[in-house]
Amino acid sequence: MSRSTTDFRSRMTANIAFMFADLPFIDRIPAAAAAGFKFVECHFPYDIPVDRLLAALNAAGVQMTGINTAPGNLERGEWGLAAIAGQEAQFKADFNQALNYAVALGAKAIHVMAGVIQDPSDRRQALRVYVDNLRSVAKSAAAHGITLLLEPLNTRDKPGYLVSRSDEIAEILAEIAEPNVKLLFDIYHVQIMEGDLTRRIERHAPLIGHVQLASVPDRWEPDLGEVQLGHVLAALDRAGYAGLIGLEYRPRGDTAAGLSWIDRLEAAN
């Protein structure tokens, strides 16, 4: 039995953007605690005052581990601004908002969302903007002990997103060369775009700052679908990954009832 499986419960962080989604956002925090979670992560907490969020976390005895930068204008198809030329000032404002929330909540990771590139011919410029923007904010995050996460998103769910493969993120990280900027290795996205998960984990292990799980192809509970979860967790263990594991999946039904997959995972391994 791998260490990743035996201590899995203590390392899980519930993504309350997707989990407990039948509840108002603030009520998902105590619901996660009642289900046994000590950690939560989310996407965009900015509609709720930070002091109210912190009070809810403290009351529930739960730690917020990570958040995303704001997505931008969803009606215009935006999904992050870090790589969008001409939006540097708005990106900086969005990043400062995320940094302020993360510091106040005690979260140690911010997913910096690159953005959707409408014209493929703009990709080279977008990569340069992305690198420059990340360099400009990395040290301010490091001063607070915060890791910046870069995540490749699959092109089926998010067509036109700047980065869709783990190797692309690895190249960007090499250019930025800041120790607190890391790869967010999401099993769901990497499997859809690349497959060969074990080799990807081995190749990129030193770069991985966070891991997320969901089944493929449906993004349900992660013991379903085409990926053998126990094998992936064992590969992460062998590669030396000892960090938190985000459960970023959409439950097929009631979130708490669906958590029986964790018992099945432990029994099988």
C-alpha atoms as a PDB file:
ATOM      1  CA  MET A   1       0.000   0.000   0.000  1.00  0.00           C
ATOM      2  CA  SER A   2       1.481   3.368  -1.006  1.00  0.00           C
ATOM      3  CA  ARG A   3       1.873   6.228   1.427  1.00  0.00           C
ATOM      4  CA  SER A   4      -0.306   8.354  -0.879  1.00  0.00           C
ATOM      5  CA  THR A   5      -3.155   5.925  -0.287  1.00  0.00           C
ATOM      6  CA  THR A   6      -2.649   5.259   3.414  1.00  0.00           C
ATOM      7  CA  ASP A   7      -2.604   8.951   4.385  1.00  0.00           C
ATOM      8  CA  PHE A   8      -4.964  10.073   1.643  1.00  0.00           C
ATOM      9  CA  ARG A   9      -7.676  11.363   3.976  1.00  0.00           C
ATOM     10  CA  SER A  10      -5.282  13.655   5.808  1.00  0.00           C
ATOM     11  CA  ARG A  11      -4.145  15.227   2.513  1.00  0.00           C
ATOM     12  CA  MET A  12      -7.490  15.728   0.786  1.00  0.00           C
ATOM     13  CA  THR A  13      -8.691  19.248   0.094  1.00  0.00           C
ATOM     14  CA  ALA A  14     -12.317  19.562  -0.999  1.00  0.00           C
ATOM     15  CA  ASN A  15     -12.869  21.899  -3.925  1.00  0.00           C
ATOM     16  CA  ILE A  16     -16.031  23.674  -2.841  1.00  0.00           C
ATOM     17  CA  ALA A  17     -16.537  25.268  -6.234  1.00  0.00           C
ATOM     18  CA  PHE A  18     -17.825  21.832  -7.319  1.00  0.00           C
ATOM     19  CA  MET A  19     -18.459  19.868  -4.122  1.00  0.00           C
ATOM     20  CA  PHE A  20     -21.509  20.609  -1.945  1.00  0.00           C
ATOM     21  CA  ALA A  21     -22.748  22.756  -4.833  1.00  0.00           C
ATOM     22  CA  ASP A  22     -26.384  22.413  -3.742  1.00  0.00           C
ATOM     23  CA  LEU A  23     -25.570  24.756  -0.838  1.00  0.00           C
ATOM     24  CA  PRO A  24     -24.835  28.489  -0.790  1.00  0.00           C
ATOM     25  CA  PHE A  25     -21.092  28.969  -1.105  1.00  0.00           C
ATOM     26  CA  ILE A  26     -20.461  30.028   2.486  1.00  0.00           C
ATOM     27  CA  ASP A  27     -22.410  27.007   3.776  1.00  0.00           C
ATOM     28  CA  ARG A  28     -20.172  24.599   1.881  1.00  0.00           C
ATOM     29  CA  ILE A  29     -17.398  25.228   4.407  1.00  0.00           C
ATOM     30  CA  PRO A  30     -19.196  23.694   7.424  1.00  0.00           C
ATOM     31  CA  ALA A  31     -20.596  20.989   5.138  1.00  0.00           C
ATOM     32  CA  ALA A  32     -17.049  20.020   4.164  1.00  0.00           C
ATOM     33  CA  ALA A  33     -16.048  19.951   7.825  1.00  0.00           C
ATOM     34  CA  ALA A  34     -19.035  17.753   8.680  1.00  0.00           C
ATOM     35  CA  ALA A  35     -17.924  15.344   5.948  1.00  0.00           C
ATOM     36  CA  GLY A  36     -14.497  15.044   7.570  1.00  0.00           C
ATOM     37  CA  PHE A  37     -12.433  17.502   5.540  1.00  0.00           C
ATOM     38  CA  LYS A  38      -9.765  19.610   7.216  1.00  0.00           C
ATOM     39  CA  PHE A  39      -8.889  21.491   4.034  1.00  0.00           C
ATOM     40  CA  VAL A  40     -10.868  23.213   1.287  1.00  0.00           C
ATOM     41  CA  GLU A  41      -9.935  24.994  -1.908  1.00  0.00           C
ATOM     42  CA  CYS A  42     -12.060  27.029  -4.296  1.00  0.00           C
ATOM     43  CA  HIS A  43     -12.017  29.011  -7.510  1.00  0.00           C
ATOM     44  CA  PHE A  44     -13.324  32.554  -7.059  1.00  0.00           C
ATOM     45  CA  PRO A  45     -14.259  33.567  -3.492  1.00  0.00           C
ATOM     46  CA  TYR A  46     -14.427  37.275  -4.235  1.00  0.00           C
ATOM     47  CA  ASP A  47     -18.185  37.793  -3.929  1.00  0.00           C
ATOM     48  CA  ILE A  48     -17.902  37.154  -0.189  1.00  0.00           C
ATOM     49  CA  PRO A  49     -16.059  39.567   2.114  1.00  0.00           C
ATOM     50  CA  VAL A  50     -12.809  38.038   3.259  1.00  0.00           C
ATOM     51  CA  ASP A  51     -13.586  38.523   6.946  1.00  0.00           C
ATOM     52  CA  ARG A  52     -16.839  36.584   6.565  1.00  0.00           C
ATOM     53  CA  LEU A  53     -15.005  33.758   4.806  1.00  0.00           C
ATOM     54  CA  LEU A  54     -12.331  33.660   7.488  1.00  0.00           C
ATOM     55  CA  ALA A  55     -14.952  33.538  10.230  1.00  0.00           C
ATOM     56  CA  ALA A  56     -16.668  30.601   8.519  1.00  0.00           C
ATOM     57  CA  LEU A  57     -13.378  28.749   8.129  1.00  0.00           C
ATOM     58  CA  ASN A  58     -12.411  29.326  11.747  1.00  0.00           C
ATOM     59  CA  ALA A  59     -15.833  28.293  13.028  1.00  0.00           C
ATOM     60  CA  ALA A  60     -15.653  25.058  11.048  1.00  0.00           C
ATOM     61  CA  GLY A  61     -12.018  24.337  11.893  1.00  0.00           C
ATOM     62  CA  VAL A  62     -11.126  24.166   8.203  1.00  0.00           C
ATOM     63  CA  GLN A  63      -8.122  25.615   6.337  1.00  0.00           C
ATOM     64  CA  MET A  64      -8.439  27.271   2.917  1.00  0.00           C
ATOM     65  CA  THR A  65      -5.512  25.946   0.883  1.00  0.00           C
ATOM     66  CA  GLY A  66      -5.823  27.623  -2.506  1.00  0.00           C
ATOM     67  CA  ILE A  67      -7.784  30.021  -4.699  1.00  0.00           C
ATOM     68  CA  ASN A  68      -7.714  31.236  -8.312  1.00  0.00           C
ATOM     69  CA  THR A  69      -7.176  34.683  -9.731  1.00  0.00           C
ATOM     70  CA  ALA A  70     -10.405  36.208 -11.039  1.00  0.00           C
ATOM     71  CA  PRO A  71     -11.543  34.910 -14.454  1.00  0.00           C
ATOM     72  CA  GLY A  72     -12.338  38.262 -16.045  1.00  0.00           C
ATOM     73  CA  ASN A  73     -15.471  38.867 -18.096  1.00  0.00           C
ATOM     74  CA  LEU A  74     -17.143  35.500 -18.610  1.00  0.00           C
ATOM     75  CA  GLU A  75     -19.661  36.937 -21.072  1.00  0.00           C
ATOM     76  CA  ARG A  76     -16.743  37.809 -23.357  1.00  0.00           C
ATOM     77  CA  GLY A  77     -15.307  34.330 -22.987  1.00  0.00           C
ATOM     78  CA  GLU A  78     -12.443  35.341 -20.714  1.00  0.00           C
ATOM     79  CA  TRP A  79     -10.856  32.783 -18.405  1.00  0.00           C
ATOM     80  CA  GLY A  80      -8.037  34.659 -16.752  1.00  0.00           C
ATOM     81  CA  LEU A  81      -6.012  37.669 -17.867  1.00  0.00           C
ATOM     82  CA  ALA A  82      -2.388  36.820 -17.084  1.00  0.00           C
ATOM     83  CA  ALA A  83      -1.517  36.230 -20.748  1.00  0.00           C
ATOM     84  CA  ILE A  84      -3.738  38.847 -22.374  1.00  0.00           C
ATOM     85  CA  ALA A  85      -1.885  41.742 -23.997  1.00  0.00           C
ATOM     86  CA  GLY A  86      -3.314  45.110 -23.034  1.00  0.00           C
ATOM     87  CA  GLN A  87      -4.770  43.750 -19.792  1.00  0.00           C
ATOM     88  CA  GLU A  88      -1.624  43.966 -17.710  1.00  0.00           C
ATOM     89  CA  ALA A  89      -3.029  46.578 -15.326  1.00  0.00           C
ATOM     90  CA  GLN A  90      -6.231  44.611 -14.780  1.00  0.00           C
ATOM     91  CA  PHE A  91      -4.225  41.432 -14.249  1.00  0.00           C
ATOM     92  CA  LYS A  92      -2.141  43.172 -11.589  1.00  0.00           C
ATOM     93  CA  ALA A  93      -5.305  44.369  -9.849  1.00  0.00           C
ATOM     94  CA  ASP A  94      -6.809  40.875 -10.001  1.00  0.00           C
ATOM     95  CA  PHE A  95      -3.608  39.334  -8.707  1.00  0.00           C
ATOM     96  CA  ASN A  96      -3.411  41.774  -5.806  1.00  0.00           C
ATOM     97  CA  GLN A  97      -7.007  40.910  -4.941  1.00  0.00           C
ATOM     98  CA  ALA A  98      -6.129  37.202  -4.939  1.00  0.00           C
ATOM     99  CA  LEU A  99      -2.989  37.818  -2.896  1.00  0.00           C
ATOM    100  CA  ASN A 100      -4.895  39.835  -0.305  1.00  0.00           C
ATOM    101  CA  TYR A 101      -7.518  37.090   0.027  1.00  0.00           C
ATOM    102  CA  ALA A 102      -4.891  34.353   0.208  1.00  0.00           C
ATOM    103  CA  VAL A 103      -2.894  36.139   2.898  1.00  0.00           C
ATOM    104  CA  ALA A 104      -5.990  36.904   4.967  1.00  0.00           C
ATOM    105  CA  LEU A 105      -7.335  33.353   4.673  1.00  0.00           C
ATOM    106  CA  GLY A 106      -3.993  31.637   5.200  1.00  0.00           C
ATOM    107  CA  ALA A 107      -4.111  30.003   1.759  1.00  0.00           C
ATOM    108  CA  LYS A 108      -0.684  29.044   0.449  1.00  0.00           C
ATOM    109  CA  ALA A 109      -1.450  28.688  -3.264  1.00  0.00           C
ATOM    110  CA  ILE A 110      -2.883  30.879  -6.020  1.00  0.00           C
ATOM    111  CA  HIS A 111      -3.742  29.439  -9.417  1.00  0.00           C
ATOM    112  CA  VAL A 112      -2.817  32.204 -11.868  1.00  0.00           C
ATOM    113  CA  MET A 113      -5.195  31.810 -14.797  1.00  0.00           C
ATOM    114  CA  ALA A 114      -3.582  32.495 -18.169  1.00  0.00           C
ATOM    115  CA  GLY A 115      -6.570  33.224 -20.386  1.00  0.00           C
ATOM    116  CA  VAL A 116      -8.196  32.272 -23.667  1.00  0.00           C
ATOM    117  CA  ILE A 117      -6.408  33.333 -26.854  1.00  0.00           C
ATOM    118  CA  GLN A 118      -9.014  34.098 -29.503  1.00  0.00           C
ATOM    119  CA  ASP A 119      -6.561  34.299 -32.420  1.00  0.00           C
ATOM    120  CA  PRO A 120      -3.892  31.549 -32.599  1.00  0.00           C
ATOM    121  CA  SER A 121      -1.517  34.017 -34.231  1.00  0.00           C
ATOM    122  CA  ASP A 122      -1.435  35.891 -30.905  1.00  0.00           C
ATOM    123  CA  ARG A 123      -0.027  32.905 -29.032  1.00  0.00           C
ATOM    124  CA  ARG A 124       3.643  33.948 -29.144  1.00  0.00           C
ATOM    125  CA  GLN A 125       2.844  37.389 -27.771  1.00  0.00           C
ATOM    126  CA  ALA A 126       0.538  35.878 -25.147  1.00  0.00           C
ATOM    127  CA  LEU A 127       3.297  33.599 -23.881  1.00  0.00           C
ATOM    128  CA  ARG A 128       5.609  36.594 -23.497  1.00  0.00           C
ATOM    129  CA  VAL A 129       2.933  38.539 -21.599  1.00  0.00           C
ATOM    130  CA  TYR A 130       2.294  35.506 -19.379  1.00  0.00           C
ATOM    131  CA  VAL A 131       5.954  35.099 -18.472  1.00  0.00           C
ATOM    132  CA  ASP A 132       6.428  38.816 -17.844  1.00  0.00           C
ATOM    133  CA  ASN A 133       3.324  39.055 -15.673  1.00  0.00           C
ATOM    134  CA  LEU A 134       4.299  36.012 -13.636  1.00  0.00           C
ATOM    135  CA  ARG A 135       7.801  37.341 -13.073  1.00  0.00           C
ATOM    136  CA  SER A 136       6.337  40.645 -11.914  1.00  0.00           C
ATOM    137  CA  VAL A 137       4.277  39.043  -9.129  1.00  0.00           C
ATOM    138  CA  ALA A 138       6.233  35.941  -8.105  1.00  0.00           C
ATOM    139  CA  LYS A 139       8.368  37.610  -5.467  1.00  0.00           C
ATOM    140  CA  SER A 140       5.450  39.397  -3.813  1.00  0.00           C
ATOM    141  CA  ALA A 141       3.769  36.004  -3.420  1.00  0.00           C
ATOM    142  CA  ALA A 142       6.980  34.416  -2.157  1.00  0.00           C
ATOM    143  CA  ALA A 143       7.234  37.082   0.540  1.00  0.00           C
ATOM    144  CA  HIS A 144       4.066  35.589   2.030  1.00  0.00           C
ATOM    145  CA  GLY A 145       5.095  31.962   1.508  1.00  0.00           C
ATOM    146  CA  ILE A 146       2.594  31.571  -1.330  1.00  0.00           C
ATOM    147  CA  THR A 147       3.080  29.308  -4.346  1.00  0.00           C
ATOM    148  CA  LEU A 148       1.787  30.368  -7.756  1.00  0.00           C
ATOM    149  CA  LEU A 149       0.277  27.491  -9.716  1.00  0.00           C
ATOM    150  CA  LEU A 150       0.085  27.189 -13.502  1.00  0.00           C
ATOM    151  CA  GLU A 151      -2.417  24.668 -14.836  1.00  0.00           C
ATOM    152  CA  PRO A 152      -2.790  23.266 -18.356  1.00  0.00           C
ATOM    153  CA  LEU A 153      -6.489  23.006 -19.261  1.00  0.00           C
ATOM    154  CA  ASN A 154      -7.857  20.579 -21.818  1.00  0.00           C
ATOM    155  CA  THR A 155      -9.079  22.066 -25.084  1.00  0.00           C
ATOM    156  CA  ARG A 156     -12.354  20.146 -25.018  1.00  0.00           C
ATOM    157  CA  ASP A 157     -13.585  21.995 -21.942  1.00  0.00           C
ATOM    158  CA  LYS A 158     -11.749  25.257 -22.553  1.00  0.00           C
ATOM    159  CA  PRO A 159     -10.989  25.802 -26.268  1.00  0.00           C
ATOM    160  CA  GLY A 160      -8.323  28.403 -26.914  1.00  0.00           C
ATOM    161  CA  TYR A 161      -6.823  28.383 -23.423  1.00  0.00           C
ATOM    162  CA  LEU A 162      -3.169  29.384 -23.705  1.00  0.00           C
ATOM    163  CA  VAL A 163      -1.649  26.259 -22.155  1.00  0.00           C
ATOM    164  CA  SER A 164      -3.074  22.763 -22.519  1.00  0.00           C
ATOM    165  CA  ARG A 165      -0.095  20.438 -21.912  1.00  0.00           C
ATOM    166  CA  SER A 166       2.206  19.831 -18.977  1.00  0.00           C
ATOM    167  CA  ASP A 167       5.320  20.126 -21.147  1.00  0.00           C
ATOM    168  CA  GLU A 168       4.261  23.670 -22.082  1.00  0.00           C
ATOM    169  CA  ILE A 169       4.039  24.600 -18.420  1.00  0.00           C
ATOM    170  CA  ALA A 170       7.464  23.042 -17.822  1.00  0.00           C
ATOM    171  CA  GLU A 171       8.970  25.287 -20.507  1.00  0.00           C
ATOM    172  CA  ILE A 172       7.324  28.362 -19.003  1.00  0.00           C
ATOM    173  CA  LEU A 173       8.575  27.465 -15.529  1.00  0.00           C
ATOM    174  CA  ALA A 174      12.112  27.076 -16.854  1.00  0.00           C
ATOM    175  CA  GLU A 175      11.933  30.556 -18.359  1.00  0.00           C
ATOM    176  CA  ILE A 176      10.459  32.188 -15.259  1.00  0.00           C
ATOM    177  CA  ALA A 177      12.949  30.434 -12.952  1.00  0.00           C
ATOM    178  CA  GLU A 178      11.174  31.395  -9.734  1.00  0.00           C
ATOM    179  CA  PRO A 179      11.088  28.615  -7.104  1.00  0.00           C
ATOM    180  CA  ASN A 180       7.564  29.437  -5.911  1.00  0.00           C
ATOM    181  CA  VAL A 181       5.971  29.110  -9.366  1.00  0.00           C
ATOM    182  CA  LYS A 182       4.888  25.516  -9.912  1.00  0.00           C
ATOM    183  CA  LEU A 183       2.830  23.134 -12.047  1.00  0.00           C
ATOM    184  CA  LEU A 184      -0.723  22.317 -11.012  1.00  0.00           C
ATOM    185  CA  PHE A 185      -0.965  18.685 -12.155  1.00  0.00           C
ATOM    186  CA  ASP A 186      -4.665  17.970 -12.678  1.00  0.00           C
ATOM    187  CA  ILE A 187      -5.155  14.293 -13.529  1.00  0.00           C
ATOM    188  CA  TYR A 188      -8.372  15.076 -15.393  1.00  0.00           C
ATOM    189  CA  HIS A 189      -6.847  17.624 -17.773  1.00  0.00           C
ATOM    190  CA  VAL A 190      -3.541  15.803 -18.278  1.00  0.00           C
ATOM    191  CA  GLN A 191      -5.225  12.489 -19.060  1.00  0.00           C
ATOM    192  CA  ILE A 192      -7.524  14.085 -21.651  1.00  0.00           C
ATOM    193  CA  MET A 193      -4.725  15.950 -23.426  1.00  0.00           C
ATOM    194  CA  GLU A 194      -1.720  13.691 -22.960  1.00  0.00           C
ATOM    195  CA  GLY A 195      -2.378  10.401 -21.189  1.00  0.00           C
ATOM    196  CA  ASP A 196       0.703   8.438 -20.107  1.00  0.00           C
ATOM    197  CA  LEU A 197       0.141   9.742 -16.578  1.00  0.00           C
ATOM    198  CA  THR A 198       2.875   7.767 -14.847  1.00  0.00           C
ATOM    199  CA  ARG A 199       5.572   9.048 -17.201  1.00  0.00           C
ATOM    200  CA  ARG A 200       4.227  12.604 -16.951  1.00  0.00           C
ATOM    201  CA  ILE A 201       4.400  12.426 -13.171  1.00  0.00           C
ATOM    202  CA  GLU A 202       7.947  11.060 -13.277  1.00  0.00           C
ATOM    203  CA  ARG A 203       9.067  13.703 -15.774  1.00  0.00           C
ATOM    204  CA  HIS A 204       7.579  16.682 -13.991  1.00  0.00           C
ATOM    205  CA  ALA A 205       7.782  15.606 -10.336  1.00  0.00           C
ATOM    206  CA  PRO A 206      10.163  18.403  -9.243  1.00  0.00           C
ATOM    207  CA  LEU A 207       7.825  20.981 -10.777  1.00  0.00           C
ATOM    208  CA  ILE A 208       4.549  19.816  -9.233  1.00  0.00           C
ATOM    209  CA  GLY A 209       3.151  22.183  -6.628  1.00  0.00           C
ATOM    210  CA  HIS A 210      -0.348  20.746  -6.342  1.00  0.00           C
ATOM    211  CA  VAL A 211      -2.368  17.785  -7.618  1.00  0.00           C
ATOM    212  CA  GLN A 212      -6.071  17.614  -8.428  1.00  0.00           C
ATOM    213  CA  LEU A 213      -8.247  14.575  -9.122  1.00  0.00           C
ATOM    214  CA  ALA A 214     -11.425  13.796 -11.050  1.00  0.00           C
ATOM    215  CA  SER A 215     -12.588  10.909 -13.181  1.00  0.00           C
ATOM    216  CA  VAL A 216     -12.069  10.899 -16.936  1.00  0.00           C
ATOM    217  CA  PRO A 217     -14.019  11.541 -19.094  1.00  0.00           C
ATOM    218  CA  ASP A 218     -16.933  12.736 -16.938  1.00  0.00           C
ATOM    219  CA  ARG A 219     -15.215  14.674 -14.107  1.00  0.00           C
ATOM    220  CA  TRP A 220     -17.073  12.672 -11.481  1.00  0.00           C
ATOM    221  CA  GLU A 221     -15.753  10.919  -8.357  1.00  0.00           C
ATOM    222  CA  PRO A 222     -12.144  10.006  -9.177  1.00  0.00           C
ATOM    223  CA  ASP A 223     -12.422   6.237  -8.709  1.00  0.00           C
ATOM    224  CA  LEU A 224     -14.669   6.078 -11.792  1.00  0.00           C
ATOM    225  CA  GLY A 225     -13.741   6.202 -15.458  1.00  0.00           C
ATOM    226  CA  GLU A 226     -10.613   5.242 -17.333  1.00  0.00           C
ATOM    227  CA  VAL A 227      -7.888   6.145 -14.805  1.00  0.00           C
ATOM    228  CA  GLN A 228      -6.795   3.624 -12.153  1.00  0.00           C
ATOM    229  CA  LEU A 229      -6.616   5.958  -9.174  1.00  0.00           C
ATOM    230  CA  GLY A 230      -4.567   3.726  -6.873  1.00  0.00           C
ATOM    231  CA  HIS A 231      -1.879   3.413  -9.537  1.00  0.00           C
ATOM    232  CA  VAL A 232      -1.714   7.187 -10.015  1.00  0.00           C
ATOM    233  CA  LEU A 233      -1.437   7.826  -6.277  1.00  0.00           C
ATOM    234  CA  ALA A 234       1.336   5.241  -6.034  1.00  0.00           C
ATOM    235  CA  ALA A 235       3.167   6.952  -8.909  1.00  0.00           C
ATOM    236  CA  LEU A 236       2.924  10.286  -7.105  1.00  0.00           C
ATOM    237  CA  ASP A 237       4.278   8.628  -3.967  1.00  0.00           C
ATOM    238  CA  ARG A 238       7.240   7.106  -5.817  1.00  0.00           C
ATOM    239  CA  ALA A 239       7.963  10.475  -7.413  1.00  0.00           C
ATOM    240  CA  GLY A 240       8.201  12.083  -3.986  1.00  0.00           C
ATOM    241  CA  TYR A 241       5.039  14.176  -4.064  1.00  0.00           C
ATOM    242  CA  ALA A 242       3.898  14.693  -0.479  1.00  0.00           C
ATOM    243  CA  GLY A 243       1.586  17.683  -0.867  1.00  0.00           C
ATOM    244  CA  LEU A 244      -2.158  18.116  -0.705  1.00  0.00           C
ATOM    245  CA  ILE A 245      -4.497  16.477  -3.202  1.00  0.00           C
ATOM    246  CA  GLY A 246      -7.413  18.554  -4.425  1.00  0.00           C
ATOM    247  CA  LEU A 247     -10.737  16.870  -5.126  1.00  0.00           C
ATOM    248  CA  GLU A 248     -11.898  18.987  -8.049  1.00  0.00           C
ATOM    249  CA  TYR A 249     -14.750  16.862  -9.295  1.00  0.00           C
ATOM    250  CA  ARG A 250     -18.489  17.247  -9.824  1.00  0.00           C
ATOM    251  CA  PRO A 251     -20.324  14.716  -7.660  1.00  0.00           C
ATOM    252  CA  ARG A 252     -22.841  12.588  -9.526  1.00  0.00           C
ATOM    253  CA  GLY A 253     -25.308  13.057  -6.679  1.00  0.00           C
ATOM    254  CA  ASP A 254     -25.118  14.070  -3.040  1.00  0.00           C
ATOM    255  CA  THR A 255     -21.535  15.042  -2.244  1.00  0.00           C
ATOM    256  CA  ALA A 256     -21.338  13.449   1.205  1.00  0.00           C
ATOM    257  CA  ALA A 257     -22.953  10.187   0.089  1.00  0.00           C
ATOM    258  CA  GLY A 258     -20.569   9.996  -2.846  1.00  0.00           C
ATOM    259  CA  LEU A 259     -17.516  10.080  -0.578  1.00  0.00           C
ATOM    260  CA  SER A 260     -17.773   6.313  -0.131  1.00  0.00           C
ATOM    261  CA  TRP A 261     -15.250   6.104  -2.977  1.00  0.00           C
ATOM    262  CA  ILE A 262     -12.554   6.968  -0.425  1.00  0.00           C
ATOM    263  CA  ASP A 263     -13.401   3.878   1.631  1.00  0.00           C
ATOM    264  CA  ARG A 264     -13.291   1.750  -1.516  1.00  0.00           C
ATOM    265  CA  LEU A 265      -9.903   3.188  -2.462  1.00  0.00           C
ATOM    266  CA  GLU A 266      -8.420   2.412   0.936  1.00  0.00           C
ATOM    267  CA  ALA A 267      -9.907  -1.089   0.975  1.00  0.00           C
ATOM    268  CA  ALA A 268      -8.473  -1.856  -2.458  1.00  0.00           C
ATOM    269  CA  ASN A 269      -4.985  -0.640  -1.630  1.00  0.00           C
END
